Amino acid sequence: MKKPWRRDEPVHEQLRREAEGVTAGSGEEDAVDRPAEPVSFDSTYAGSYIDDGRLAFAGVPRIRGDWDLVITGEAPDLTGSDELGFVVVEDGDILMDSQLPEGDVTPLAEAIELQIQPPYRAYGIRQEGDLWAVSARAIEIGHFQAAGDEIELTVRGDERELVVDGRKSFGSVPELEQLGKDASEDFFARAERIEDDLWEITVGSL
């Protein structure tokens, strides 16, 4: 992934100031899964939610997991690819996949953040020129050191299985195990590396 952008002021802070009548002062403070079958984008407008939680905009197949939001937005001067994927963390930094377009996706992130606050993951495809269709979903993130890029941990009673990058492992990832135990006695936990010690976490009870 590329070095993250640090925006001067996240859009949710901007909206908070405006609601409180505060004037602006000094600035405050990546592989993309491919979808299944594209469906019509005719009934999906900027800022609208997909009621059944499934991705539904033209040219972008369904991606693993549910999506909370689909928008259209303009991002001038994005070059090098007609697809993009990025993660935005709590402090507003944007982490891009290194193989995707060169340029600034901040306008798309700001449009998403009118309805979803970081952290979230987004995936988009160019519609025409500077116009992009982008889906986004809120995510949980964790910070810990571990081997591999994709970790799956299943705990059911006395049975415990750890899979790292598709291979069974006899090691342990205490931080991921604790996140699972916090959710349920029997659980499935999955971690995908975003960058360095930053992971996207998914936990479900069994």
N, C-alpha and C. Protein backbone atom coordinates (compact mmCIF):
# COMPACT_ATOMS: atom_id res chain seq x y z
N MET A 1 0.83 -1.21 0.00
CA MET A 1 0.00 0.00 0.00
C MET A 1 0.86 1.25 0.00
N LYS A 2 0.29 2.32 -0.53
CA LYS A 2 1.00 3.58 -0.56
C LYS A 2 0.97 4.24 0.81
N LYS A 3 1.84 5.22 0.99
CA LYS A 3 1.80 6.03 2.19
C LYS A 3 0.44 6.71 2.28
N PRO A 4 -0.21 6.68 3.44
CA PRO A 4 -1.56 7.23 3.54
C PRO A 4 -1.58 8.73 3.40
N TRP A 5 -2.72 9.22 2.88
CA TRP A 5 -2.98 10.65 2.89
C TRP A 5 -3.49 11.03 4.27
N ARG A 6 -3.04 12.16 4.80
CA ARG A 6 -3.61 12.69 6.04
C ARG A 6 -4.35 13.96 5.69
N ARG A 7 -5.66 13.88 5.70
CA ARG A 7 -6.46 15.03 5.34
C ARG A 7 -6.44 16.06 6.46
N ASP A 8 -6.47 17.34 6.09
CA ASP A 8 -6.41 18.40 7.09
C ASP A 8 -7.56 18.32 8.06
N GLU A 9 -8.74 18.00 7.57
CA GLU A 9 -9.90 17.93 8.45
C GLU A 9 -10.89 16.94 7.89
N PRO A 10 -11.16 15.81 8.59
CA PRO A 10 -12.14 14.84 8.13
C PRO A 10 -13.50 15.51 7.97
N VAL A 11 -14.29 15.00 7.02
CA VAL A 11 -15.56 15.65 6.73
C VAL A 11 -16.52 15.61 7.90
N HIS A 12 -16.44 14.55 8.77
CA HIS A 12 -17.38 14.52 9.89
C HIS A 12 -17.08 15.62 10.90
N GLU A 13 -15.78 16.03 11.01
CA GLU A 13 -15.44 17.14 11.89
C GLU A 13 -15.96 18.45 11.30
N GLN A 14 -15.88 18.53 9.96
CA GLN A 14 -16.38 19.71 9.28
C GLN A 14 -17.86 19.88 9.54
N LEU A 15 -18.61 18.77 9.41
CA LEU A 15 -20.05 18.81 9.62
C LEU A 15 -20.38 19.15 11.06
N ARG A 16 -19.58 18.62 12.01
CA ARG A 16 -19.83 18.91 13.42
C ARG A 16 -19.65 20.39 13.69
N ARG A 17 -18.57 20.99 13.14
CA ARG A 17 -18.34 22.41 13.36
C ARG A 17 -19.48 23.25 12.80
N GLU A 18 -19.92 22.86 11.58
CA GLU A 18 -20.98 23.64 10.96
C GLU A 18 -22.26 23.57 11.78
N ALA A 19 -22.56 22.37 12.32
CA ALA A 19 -23.77 22.21 13.13
C ALA A 19 -23.69 23.03 14.41
N GLU A 20 -22.47 23.21 14.94
CA GLU A 20 -22.30 23.97 16.18
C GLU A 20 -22.04 25.45 15.91
N GLY A 21 -21.93 25.81 14.63
CA GLY A 21 -21.70 27.21 14.30
C GLY A 21 -20.29 27.67 14.58
N VAL A 22 -19.31 26.71 14.53
CA VAL A 22 -17.92 27.06 14.79
C VAL A 22 -17.21 27.32 13.48
N THR A 23 -16.46 28.37 13.39
CA THR A 23 -15.74 28.67 12.15
C THR A 23 -14.48 27.84 12.08
N ALA A 24 -14.02 27.62 10.86
CA ALA A 24 -12.83 26.77 10.67
C ALA A 24 -11.59 27.52 11.10
N GLY A 25 -10.72 26.79 11.79
CA GLY A 25 -9.45 27.36 12.20
C GLY A 25 -8.35 26.66 11.45
N SER A 26 -7.24 26.45 12.11
CA SER A 26 -6.15 25.75 11.44
C SER A 26 -6.53 24.29 11.32
N GLY A 27 -5.90 23.56 10.40
CA GLY A 27 -6.24 22.17 10.15
C GLY A 27 -6.00 21.30 11.36
N GLU A 28 -6.92 20.34 11.58
CA GLU A 28 -6.75 19.38 12.64
C GLU A 28 -6.18 18.13 12.03
N GLU A 29 -5.87 18.35 13.49
CA GLU A 29 -5.82 17.05 13.02
C GLU A 29 -7.16 16.43 13.18
N ASP A 30 -3.84 -3.23 1.01
CA ASP A 30 -4.60 -2.89 -0.10
C ASP A 30 -4.85 -4.12 -0.90
N ALA A 31 -5.49 -6.65 -1.53
CA ALA A 31 -6.02 -6.88 -2.87
C ALA A 31 -7.51 -6.67 -2.83
N VAL A 32 -8.02 -6.18 -3.93
CA VAL A 32 -9.44 -5.92 -4.03
C VAL A 32 -10.13 -7.17 -4.55
N ASP A 33 -11.20 -7.63 -3.83
CA ASP A 33 -11.95 -8.79 -4.28
C ASP A 33 -12.83 -8.39 -5.45
N ARG A 34 -12.95 -9.27 -6.45
CA ARG A 34 -13.78 -8.95 -7.61
C ARG A 34 -15.19 -9.45 -7.40
N PRO A 35 -16.21 -8.69 -7.85
CA PRO A 35 -17.60 -9.06 -7.71
C PRO A 35 -18.08 -10.18 -8.62
N ALA A 36 -19.41 -10.53 -8.45
CA ALA A 36 -20.01 -11.59 -9.25
C ALA A 36 -20.75 -11.02 -10.44
N GLU A 37 -22.06 -10.77 -10.39
CA GLU A 37 -22.69 -10.26 -11.58
C GLU A 37 -23.19 -8.84 -11.40
N PRO A 38 -22.90 -7.98 -12.37
CA PRO A 38 -23.37 -6.61 -12.28
C PRO A 38 -24.88 -6.54 -12.43
N VAL A 39 -25.50 -5.58 -11.77
CA VAL A 39 -26.94 -5.36 -11.91
C VAL A 39 -27.15 -3.90 -12.24
N SER A 40 -28.40 -3.55 -12.55
CA SER A 40 -28.68 -2.20 -12.98
C SER A 40 -28.39 -1.18 -11.90
N PHE A 41 -27.83 -0.05 -12.32
CA PHE A 41 -27.53 1.04 -11.40
C PHE A 41 -28.62 2.11 -11.44
N ASP A 42 -29.67 1.87 -12.29
CA ASP A 42 -30.66 2.90 -12.55
C ASP A 42 -31.35 3.39 -11.28
N SER A 43 -31.61 2.49 -10.32
CA SER A 43 -32.37 2.89 -9.14
C SER A 43 -31.48 3.22 -7.96
N THR A 44 -30.15 3.26 -8.17
CA THR A 44 -29.23 3.54 -7.08
C THR A 44 -28.62 4.92 -7.27
N TYR A 45 -28.91 5.84 -6.37
CA TYR A 45 -28.44 7.20 -6.51
C TYR A 45 -27.38 7.50 -5.47
N ALA A 46 -26.65 8.59 -5.67
CA ALA A 46 -25.60 8.98 -4.75
C ALA A 46 -26.15 9.08 -3.34
N GLY A 47 -25.49 8.42 -2.38
CA GLY A 47 -25.89 8.51 -0.98
C GLY A 47 -26.98 7.54 -0.60
N SER A 48 -27.45 6.67 -1.51
CA SER A 48 -28.54 5.77 -1.16
C SER A 48 -27.99 4.47 -0.59
N TYR A 49 -28.79 3.82 0.27
CA TYR A 49 -28.40 2.55 0.85
C TYR A 49 -28.99 1.41 0.04
N ILE A 50 -28.32 0.27 0.06
CA ILE A 50 -28.87 -0.94 -0.55
C ILE A 50 -29.56 -1.70 0.56
N ASP A 51 -30.90 -1.80 0.50
CA ASP A 51 -31.68 -2.30 1.62
C ASP A 51 -31.30 -3.70 2.05
N ASP A 52 -31.02 -4.59 1.06
CA ASP A 52 -30.71 -5.97 1.45
C ASP A 52 -29.22 -6.17 1.71
N GLY A 53 -28.44 -5.09 1.73
CA GLY A 53 -27.04 -5.19 2.08
C GLY A 53 -26.15 -5.75 0.99
N ARG A 54 -26.67 -5.83 -0.24
CA ARG A 54 -25.88 -6.40 -1.33
C ARG A 54 -25.47 -5.31 -2.31
N LEU A 55 -24.31 -5.50 -2.87
CA LEU A 55 -23.77 -4.52 -3.82
C LEU A 55 -24.63 -4.50 -5.08
N ALA A 56 -24.94 -3.29 -5.58
CA ALA A 56 -25.79 -3.22 -6.76
C ALA A 56 -25.50 -1.97 -7.57
N PHE A 57 -24.36 -1.93 -8.24
CA PHE A 57 -24.20 -0.86 -9.22
C PHE A 57 -23.48 -1.36 -10.45
N ALA A 58 -23.73 -0.66 -11.54
CA ALA A 58 -23.35 -1.16 -12.86
C ALA A 58 -21.86 -1.41 -12.98
N GLY A 59 -21.51 -2.58 -13.54
CA GLY A 59 -20.13 -2.86 -13.86
C GLY A 59 -19.32 -3.41 -12.71
N VAL A 60 -19.87 -3.43 -11.50
CA VAL A 60 -19.12 -3.93 -10.36
C VAL A 60 -19.82 -5.14 -9.80
N PRO A 61 -19.21 -6.32 -9.93
CA PRO A 61 -19.81 -7.55 -9.42
C PRO A 61 -19.85 -7.56 -7.90
N ARG A 62 -20.57 -8.49 -7.35
CA ARG A 62 -20.69 -8.56 -5.89
C ARG A 62 -19.36 -8.95 -5.27
N ILE A 63 -18.97 -8.27 -4.21
CA ILE A 63 -17.72 -8.53 -3.51
C ILE A 63 -18.03 -9.24 -2.21
N ARG A 64 -17.09 -10.04 -1.70
CA ARG A 64 -17.32 -10.76 -0.47
C ARG A 64 -17.76 -9.80 0.63
N GLY A 65 -18.81 -10.17 1.33
CA GLY A 65 -19.27 -9.35 2.44
C GLY A 65 -20.39 -8.41 2.03
N ASP A 66 -21.06 -7.86 3.02
CA ASP A 66 -22.14 -6.92 2.77
C ASP A 66 -21.59 -5.52 2.64
N TRP A 67 -22.33 -4.68 1.90
CA TRP A 67 -21.94 -3.29 1.70
C TRP A 67 -23.04 -2.41 2.25
N ASP A 68 -22.67 -1.37 2.98
CA ASP A 68 -23.64 -0.52 3.64
C ASP A 68 -24.13 0.61 2.75
N LEU A 69 -23.37 0.97 1.74
CA LEU A 69 -23.65 2.19 1.02
C LEU A 69 -23.12 2.11 -0.41
N VAL A 70 -23.85 2.65 -1.36
CA VAL A 70 -23.37 2.80 -2.73
C VAL A 70 -23.59 4.25 -3.13
N ILE A 71 -22.55 4.90 -3.63
CA ILE A 71 -22.65 6.29 -4.05
C ILE A 71 -22.06 6.46 -5.44
N THR A 72 -22.35 7.59 -6.07
CA THR A 72 -21.58 8.03 -7.21
C THR A 72 -20.91 9.35 -6.83
N GLY A 73 -19.73 9.59 -7.35
CA GLY A 73 -19.02 10.82 -7.04
C GLY A 73 -17.92 11.08 -8.05
N GLU A 74 -17.47 12.31 -8.11
CA GLU A 74 -16.41 12.69 -9.03
C GLU A 74 -15.07 12.79 -8.31
N ALA A 75 -14.05 12.25 -8.95
CA ALA A 75 -12.68 12.34 -8.44
C ALA A 75 -11.77 12.67 -9.62
N PRO A 76 -11.50 13.95 -9.85
CA PRO A 76 -10.71 14.36 -11.02
C PRO A 76 -9.29 13.81 -10.98
N ASP A 77 -8.77 13.53 -12.16
CA ASP A 77 -7.35 13.23 -12.34
C ASP A 77 -6.90 11.90 -11.76
N LEU A 78 -7.82 10.95 -11.53
CA LEU A 78 -7.40 9.61 -11.15
C LEU A 78 -7.00 8.87 -12.43
N THR A 79 -5.75 8.42 -12.50
CA THR A 79 -5.24 7.79 -13.72
C THR A 79 -4.62 6.44 -13.41
N GLY A 80 -4.54 5.60 -14.45
CA GLY A 80 -3.82 4.34 -14.32
C GLY A 80 -4.70 3.13 -14.16
N SER A 81 -5.96 3.30 -13.80
CA SER A 81 -6.86 2.16 -13.63
C SER A 81 -8.30 2.67 -13.59
N ASP A 82 -9.23 1.79 -13.95
CA ASP A 82 -10.64 2.13 -13.87
C ASP A 82 -11.28 1.50 -12.65
N GLU A 83 -10.48 0.93 -11.75
CA GLU A 83 -10.97 0.37 -10.50
C GLU A 83 -10.16 0.95 -9.36
N LEU A 84 -10.78 1.01 -8.18
CA LEU A 84 -10.03 1.48 -7.01
C LEU A 84 -10.53 0.78 -5.76
N GLY A 85 -9.65 0.71 -4.79
CA GLY A 85 -10.00 0.15 -3.49
C GLY A 85 -9.19 0.85 -2.42
N PHE A 86 -9.82 1.15 -1.29
CA PHE A 86 -9.08 1.81 -0.22
C PHE A 86 -9.76 1.57 1.11
N VAL A 87 -8.99 1.77 2.17
CA VAL A 87 -9.48 1.70 3.54
C VAL A 87 -9.21 3.05 4.20
N VAL A 88 -10.18 3.55 4.94
CA VAL A 88 -9.99 4.77 5.73
C VAL A 88 -10.05 4.40 7.19
N VAL A 89 -9.02 4.78 7.96
CA VAL A 89 -8.96 4.46 9.39
C VAL A 89 -9.49 5.62 10.22
N GLU A 90 -9.54 5.42 11.55
CA GLU A 90 -10.23 6.37 12.42
C GLU A 90 -9.71 7.80 12.31
N ASP A 91 -8.41 7.97 12.13
CA ASP A 91 -7.87 9.33 12.10
C ASP A 91 -8.01 10.00 10.73
N GLY A 92 -8.68 9.32 9.79
CA GLY A 92 -8.92 9.92 8.48
C GLY A 92 -7.90 9.55 7.43
N ASP A 93 -6.80 8.85 7.79
CA ASP A 93 -5.82 8.44 6.80
C ASP A 93 -6.46 7.48 5.80
N ILE A 94 -6.10 7.63 4.52
CA ILE A 94 -6.61 6.80 3.44
C ILE A 94 -5.49 5.88 2.98
N LEU A 95 -5.73 4.57 3.03
CA LEU A 95 -4.73 3.58 2.63
C LEU A 95 -5.20 2.96 1.32
N MET A 96 -4.45 3.23 0.24
CA MET A 96 -4.81 2.77 -1.10
C MET A 96 -4.09 1.48 -1.45
N ASP A 97 -4.74 0.67 -2.28
CA ASP A 97 -4.04 -0.45 -2.87
C ASP A 97 -3.01 0.08 -3.86
N SER A 98 -1.80 -0.45 -3.83
CA SER A 98 -0.70 0.12 -4.59
C SER A 98 -0.85 -0.05 -6.10
N GLN A 99 -1.68 -1.01 -6.54
CA GLN A 99 -1.81 -1.26 -7.98
C GLN A 99 -2.93 -0.44 -8.62
N LEU A 100 -3.63 0.36 -7.81
CA LEU A 100 -4.80 1.06 -8.30
C LEU A 100 -4.45 2.50 -8.66
N PRO A 101 -5.43 3.35 -9.02
CA PRO A 101 -5.10 4.62 -9.68
C PRO A 101 -4.20 5.54 -8.89
N GLU A 102 -3.42 6.31 -9.63
CA GLU A 102 -2.66 7.41 -9.07
C GLU A 102 -3.61 8.62 -8.95
N GLY A 103 -3.47 9.36 -7.86
CA GLY A 103 -4.31 10.53 -7.69
C GLY A 103 -4.97 10.54 -6.32
N ASP A 104 -5.86 11.49 -6.11
CA ASP A 104 -6.46 11.74 -4.80
C ASP A 104 -7.91 11.28 -4.78
N VAL A 105 -8.22 10.29 -3.91
CA VAL A 105 -9.60 9.80 -3.79
C VAL A 105 -10.35 10.52 -2.68
N THR A 106 -9.77 11.58 -2.11
CA THR A 106 -10.42 12.29 -1.02
C THR A 106 -11.86 12.71 -1.33
N PRO A 107 -12.17 13.22 -2.55
CA PRO A 107 -13.57 13.58 -2.82
C PRO A 107 -14.54 12.41 -2.64
N LEU A 108 -14.11 11.20 -3.01
CA LEU A 108 -14.96 10.03 -2.85
C LEU A 108 -15.10 9.67 -1.37
N ALA A 109 -13.99 9.76 -0.63
CA ALA A 109 -14.05 9.48 0.81
C ALA A 109 -14.97 10.46 1.52
N GLU A 110 -14.92 11.72 1.14
CA GLU A 110 -15.76 12.72 1.79
C GLU A 110 -17.24 12.48 1.50
N ALA A 111 -17.53 12.00 0.29
CA ALA A 111 -18.92 11.68 -0.04
C ALA A 111 -19.41 10.49 0.78
N ILE A 112 -18.55 9.48 0.96
CA ILE A 112 -18.92 8.33 1.78
C ILE A 112 -19.17 8.76 3.22
N GLU A 113 -18.32 9.66 3.73
CA GLU A 113 -18.38 10.03 5.15
C GLU A 113 -19.54 10.94 5.50
N LEU A 114 -20.34 11.31 4.52
CA LEU A 114 -21.60 11.96 4.84
C LEU A 114 -22.55 10.98 5.50
N GLN A 115 -22.30 9.66 5.30
CA GLN A 115 -23.21 8.66 5.86
C GLN A 115 -22.50 7.56 6.65
N ILE A 116 -21.24 7.32 6.39
CA ILE A 116 -20.48 6.30 7.13
C ILE A 116 -19.22 6.93 7.67
N GLN A 117 -18.94 6.73 8.94
CA GLN A 117 -17.72 7.26 9.54
C GLN A 117 -16.62 6.19 9.55
N PRO A 118 -15.36 6.60 9.49
CA PRO A 118 -14.26 5.63 9.55
C PRO A 118 -14.28 4.87 10.87
N PRO A 119 -13.74 3.64 10.84
CA PRO A 119 -13.05 2.99 9.72
C PRO A 119 -14.02 2.32 8.76
N TYR A 120 -13.66 2.30 7.48
CA TYR A 120 -14.48 1.62 6.48
C TYR A 120 -13.60 1.20 5.31
N ARG A 121 -14.14 0.26 4.53
CA ARG A 121 -13.48 -0.19 3.30
C ARG A 121 -14.35 0.24 2.12
N ALA A 122 -13.72 0.63 1.01
CA ALA A 122 -14.45 1.07 -0.18
C ALA A 122 -13.86 0.43 -1.42
N TYR A 123 -14.73 0.18 -2.39
CA TYR A 123 -14.32 -0.36 -3.68
C TYR A 123 -15.12 0.37 -4.75
N GLY A 124 -14.47 0.76 -5.85
CA GLY A 124 -15.19 1.50 -6.87
C GLY A 124 -14.73 1.19 -8.27
N ILE A 125 -15.54 1.61 -9.21
CA ILE A 125 -15.21 1.44 -10.62
C ILE A 125 -15.62 2.71 -11.36
N ARG A 126 -14.79 3.09 -12.32
CA ARG A 126 -15.06 4.29 -13.09
C ARG A 126 -16.31 4.09 -13.96
N GLN A 127 -17.22 5.06 -13.92
CA GLN A 127 -18.40 5.02 -14.77
C GLN A 127 -18.13 5.71 -16.10
N GLU A 128 -17.61 6.93 -16.04
CA GLU A 128 -17.26 7.68 -17.24
C GLU A 128 -16.46 8.90 -16.83
N GLY A 129 -15.32 9.12 -17.45
CA GLY A 129 -14.51 10.29 -17.13
C GLY A 129 -14.12 10.31 -15.66
N ASP A 130 -14.50 11.38 -14.96
CA ASP A 130 -14.17 11.53 -13.54
C ASP A 130 -15.23 10.95 -12.63
N LEU A 131 -16.30 10.37 -13.19
CA LEU A 131 -17.41 9.85 -12.38
C LEU A 131 -17.15 8.41 -11.98
N TRP A 132 -17.27 8.14 -10.67
CA TRP A 132 -17.04 6.81 -10.12
C TRP A 132 -18.27 6.34 -9.36
N ALA A 133 -18.50 5.03 -9.40
CA ALA A 133 -19.48 4.39 -8.52
C ALA A 133 -18.69 3.65 -7.45
N VAL A 134 -19.03 3.89 -6.20
CA VAL A 134 -18.24 3.36 -5.08
C VAL A 134 -19.15 2.75 -4.03
N SER A 135 -18.80 1.55 -3.59
CA SER A 135 -19.50 0.91 -2.48
C SER A 135 -18.60 0.99 -1.24
N ALA A 136 -19.22 0.99 -0.07
CA ALA A 136 -18.44 1.09 1.17
C ALA A 136 -19.13 0.32 2.28
N ARG A 137 -18.32 -0.16 3.21
CA ARG A 137 -18.90 -0.80 4.40
C ARG A 137 -18.04 -0.46 5.61
N ALA A 138 -18.68 -0.29 6.74
CA ALA A 138 -17.97 -0.08 8.00
C ALA A 138 -17.23 -1.35 8.37
N ILE A 139 -16.04 -1.21 8.93
CA ILE A 139 -15.25 -2.37 9.33
C ILE A 139 -14.73 -2.18 10.75
N GLU A 140 -14.27 -3.27 11.33
CA GLU A 140 -13.56 -3.23 12.61
C GLU A 140 -12.09 -3.45 12.32
N ILE A 141 -11.23 -2.70 12.97
CA ILE A 141 -9.80 -2.88 12.75
C ILE A 141 -9.10 -3.20 14.07
N GLY A 142 -7.95 -3.84 13.97
CA GLY A 142 -7.14 -4.17 15.13
C GLY A 142 -5.68 -3.94 14.83
N HIS A 143 -4.90 -3.75 15.88
CA HIS A 143 -3.46 -3.54 15.74
C HIS A 143 -2.73 -4.67 16.47
N PHE A 144 -1.98 -5.48 15.74
CA PHE A 144 -1.17 -6.51 16.38
C PHE A 144 -0.16 -7.05 15.37
N GLN A 145 0.87 -7.68 15.87
CA GLN A 145 1.90 -8.29 15.04
C GLN A 145 1.56 -9.77 14.84
N ALA A 146 1.62 -10.24 13.60
CA ALA A 146 1.38 -11.65 13.32
C ALA A 146 1.94 -11.97 11.95
N ALA A 147 2.22 -13.26 11.72
CA ALA A 147 2.71 -13.70 10.42
C ALA A 147 1.55 -13.83 9.45
N GLY A 148 1.86 -13.71 8.15
CA GLY A 148 0.85 -13.92 7.13
C GLY A 148 0.05 -12.66 6.82
N ASP A 149 -0.83 -12.79 5.83
CA ASP A 149 -1.68 -11.68 5.42
C ASP A 149 -3.16 -11.96 5.65
N GLU A 150 -3.49 -13.23 5.86
CA GLU A 150 -4.89 -13.59 6.10
C GLU A 150 -4.92 -14.70 7.15
N ILE A 151 -5.62 -14.44 8.25
CA ILE A 151 -5.64 -15.37 9.39
C ILE A 151 -7.09 -15.74 9.68
N GLU A 152 -7.34 -17.02 9.88
CA GLU A 152 -8.67 -17.49 10.28
C GLU A 152 -8.52 -18.34 11.53
N LEU A 153 -9.32 -18.03 12.54
CA LEU A 153 -9.25 -18.76 13.81
C LEU A 153 -10.66 -19.23 14.16
N THR A 154 -10.81 -20.54 14.37
CA THR A 154 -12.10 -21.12 14.76
C THR A 154 -11.95 -21.80 16.11
N VAL A 155 -12.81 -21.44 17.04
CA VAL A 155 -12.80 -22.06 18.38
C VAL A 155 -14.21 -22.55 18.67
N ARG A 156 -14.32 -23.87 18.92
CA ARG A 156 -15.60 -24.48 19.28
C ARG A 156 -15.35 -25.47 20.41
N GLY A 157 -15.76 -25.10 21.60
CA GLY A 157 -15.49 -25.94 22.76
C GLY A 157 -13.99 -26.08 22.97
N ASP A 158 -13.52 -27.34 23.02
CA ASP A 158 -12.09 -27.59 23.19
C ASP A 158 -11.34 -27.63 21.86
N GLU A 159 -12.08 -27.51 20.76
CA GLU A 159 -11.44 -27.57 19.45
C GLU A 159 -11.00 -26.17 19.01
N ARG A 160 -9.82 -26.11 18.44
CA ARG A 160 -9.26 -24.83 18.03
C ARG A 160 -8.48 -25.03 16.74
N GLU A 161 -8.78 -24.22 15.71
CA GLU A 161 -8.07 -24.35 14.43
C GLU A 161 -7.62 -22.96 13.97
N LEU A 162 -6.34 -22.87 13.64
CA LEU A 162 -5.76 -21.63 13.15
C LEU A 162 -5.24 -21.87 11.73
N VAL A 163 -5.67 -21.02 10.79
CA VAL A 163 -5.25 -21.12 9.40
C VAL A 163 -4.61 -19.79 9.00
N VAL A 164 -3.38 -19.84 8.50
CA VAL A 164 -2.66 -18.63 8.09
C VAL A 164 -2.35 -18.75 6.61
N ASP A 165 -2.86 -17.82 5.83
CA ASP A 165 -2.66 -17.82 4.37
C ASP A 165 -3.01 -19.17 3.76
N GLY A 166 -4.13 -19.75 4.22
CA GLY A 166 -4.63 -20.99 3.65
C GLY A 166 -4.02 -22.25 4.19
N ARG A 167 -3.07 -22.14 5.13
CA ARG A 167 -2.42 -23.34 5.68
C ARG A 167 -2.63 -23.42 7.19
N LYS A 168 -2.90 -24.63 7.67
CA LYS A 168 -3.08 -24.81 9.11
C LYS A 168 -1.80 -24.46 9.85
N SER A 169 -1.96 -23.84 11.00
CA SER A 169 -0.81 -23.42 11.79
C SER A 169 -0.99 -23.88 13.23
N PHE A 170 0.13 -24.16 13.89
CA PHE A 170 0.09 -24.55 15.30
C PHE A 170 0.48 -23.39 16.19
N GLY A 171 0.61 -22.20 15.61
CA GLY A 171 0.95 -21.03 16.40
C GLY A 171 -0.27 -20.45 17.09
N SER A 172 -0.16 -19.20 17.50
CA SER A 172 -1.28 -18.53 18.16
C SER A 172 -1.24 -17.04 17.82
N VAL A 173 -2.40 -16.44 17.87
CA VAL A 173 -2.54 -14.99 17.69
C VAL A 173 -3.40 -14.51 18.85
N PRO A 174 -2.77 -14.22 19.99
CA PRO A 174 -3.54 -13.91 21.21
C PRO A 174 -4.52 -12.75 21.05
N GLU A 175 -4.12 -11.72 20.30
CA GLU A 175 -5.00 -10.56 20.15
C GLU A 175 -6.29 -10.94 19.40
N LEU A 176 -6.14 -11.74 18.34
CA LEU A 176 -7.31 -12.16 17.58
C LEU A 176 -8.18 -13.09 18.41
N GLU A 177 -7.55 -13.98 19.18
CA GLU A 177 -8.30 -14.90 20.02
C GLU A 177 -9.09 -14.14 21.08
N GLN A 178 -8.50 -13.09 21.64
CA GLN A 178 -9.20 -12.31 22.66
C GLN A 178 -10.41 -11.59 22.06
N LEU A 179 -10.26 -11.06 20.84
CA LEU A 179 -11.38 -10.41 20.17
C LEU A 179 -12.53 -11.40 19.96
N GLY A 180 -12.18 -12.63 19.60
CA GLY A 180 -13.20 -13.65 19.43
C GLY A 180 -13.89 -14.00 20.73
N LYS A 181 -13.12 -14.17 21.79
CA LYS A 181 -13.70 -14.52 23.09
C LYS A 181 -14.58 -13.41 23.64
N ASP A 182 -14.23 -12.17 23.29
CA ASP A 182 -15.06 -11.05 23.73
C ASP A 182 -16.45 -11.10 23.09
N ALA A 183 -16.53 -11.75 21.92
CA ALA A 183 -17.81 -11.81 21.21
C ALA A 183 -18.62 -13.04 21.59
N SER A 184 -17.95 -14.17 21.78
CA SER A 184 -18.68 -15.41 22.04
C SER A 184 -17.72 -16.49 22.54
N GLU A 185 -18.27 -17.45 23.27
CA GLU A 185 -17.43 -18.56 23.75
C GLU A 185 -16.94 -19.40 22.57
N ASP A 186 -17.86 -19.69 21.63
CA ASP A 186 -17.49 -20.36 20.39
C ASP A 186 -17.55 -19.33 19.27
N PHE A 187 -16.49 -19.23 18.47
CA PHE A 187 -16.45 -18.14 17.50
C PHE A 187 -15.59 -18.49 16.29
N PHE A 188 -15.79 -17.68 15.24
CA PHE A 188 -14.92 -17.67 14.08
C PHE A 188 -14.39 -16.25 13.93
N ALA A 189 -13.07 -16.10 13.83
CA ALA A 189 -12.46 -14.77 13.70
C ALA A 189 -11.54 -14.77 12.48
N ARG A 190 -11.63 -13.69 11.73
CA ARG A 190 -10.83 -13.56 10.51
C ARG A 190 -10.13 -12.22 10.52
N ALA A 191 -8.85 -12.21 10.14
CA ALA A 191 -8.08 -10.97 10.08
C ALA A 191 -7.40 -10.89 8.72
N GLU A 192 -7.57 -9.76 8.04
CA GLU A 192 -6.88 -9.49 6.77
C GLU A 192 -5.97 -8.29 6.97
N ARG A 193 -4.71 -8.46 6.63
CA ARG A 193 -3.76 -7.37 6.82
C ARG A 193 -4.10 -6.20 5.89
N ILE A 194 -4.18 -5.01 6.47
CA ILE A 194 -4.34 -3.79 5.69
C ILE A 194 -2.97 -3.20 5.39
N GLU A 195 -2.17 -3.07 6.44
CA GLU A 195 -0.81 -2.55 6.29
C GLU A 195 -0.07 -2.74 7.61
N ASP A 196 1.16 -3.25 7.54
CA ASP A 196 2.01 -3.42 8.72
C ASP A 196 1.25 -4.15 9.82
N ASP A 197 1.01 -3.51 10.99
CA ASP A 197 0.32 -4.19 12.09
C ASP A 197 -1.16 -3.83 12.14
N LEU A 198 -1.70 -3.30 11.04
CA LEU A 198 -3.10 -2.90 10.98
C LEU A 198 -3.90 -3.96 10.22
N TRP A 199 -4.97 -4.45 10.85
CA TRP A 199 -5.75 -5.56 10.29
C TRP A 199 -7.24 -5.21 10.26
N GLU A 200 -7.92 -5.74 9.23
CA GLU A 200 -9.38 -5.71 9.22
C GLU A 200 -9.87 -6.98 9.89
N ILE A 201 -10.76 -6.82 10.87
CA ILE A 201 -11.19 -7.94 11.71
C ILE A 201 -12.66 -8.26 11.46
N THR A 202 -12.97 -9.55 11.33
CA THR A 202 -14.35 -10.00 11.27
C THR A 202 -14.51 -11.12 12.30
N VAL A 203 -15.51 -10.98 13.18
CA VAL A 203 -15.73 -11.97 14.24
C VAL A 203 -17.20 -12.36 14.24
N GLY A 204 -17.46 -13.66 14.32
CA GLY A 204 -18.84 -14.15 14.40
C GLY A 204 -18.94 -15.29 15.39
N SER A 205 -20.11 -15.43 16.01
CA SER A 205 -20.32 -16.52 16.96
C SER A 205 -20.72 -17.78 16.21
N LEU A 206 -20.43 -18.94 16.80
CA LEU A 206 -20.78 -20.23 16.19
C LEU A 206 -21.88 -20.89 17.01
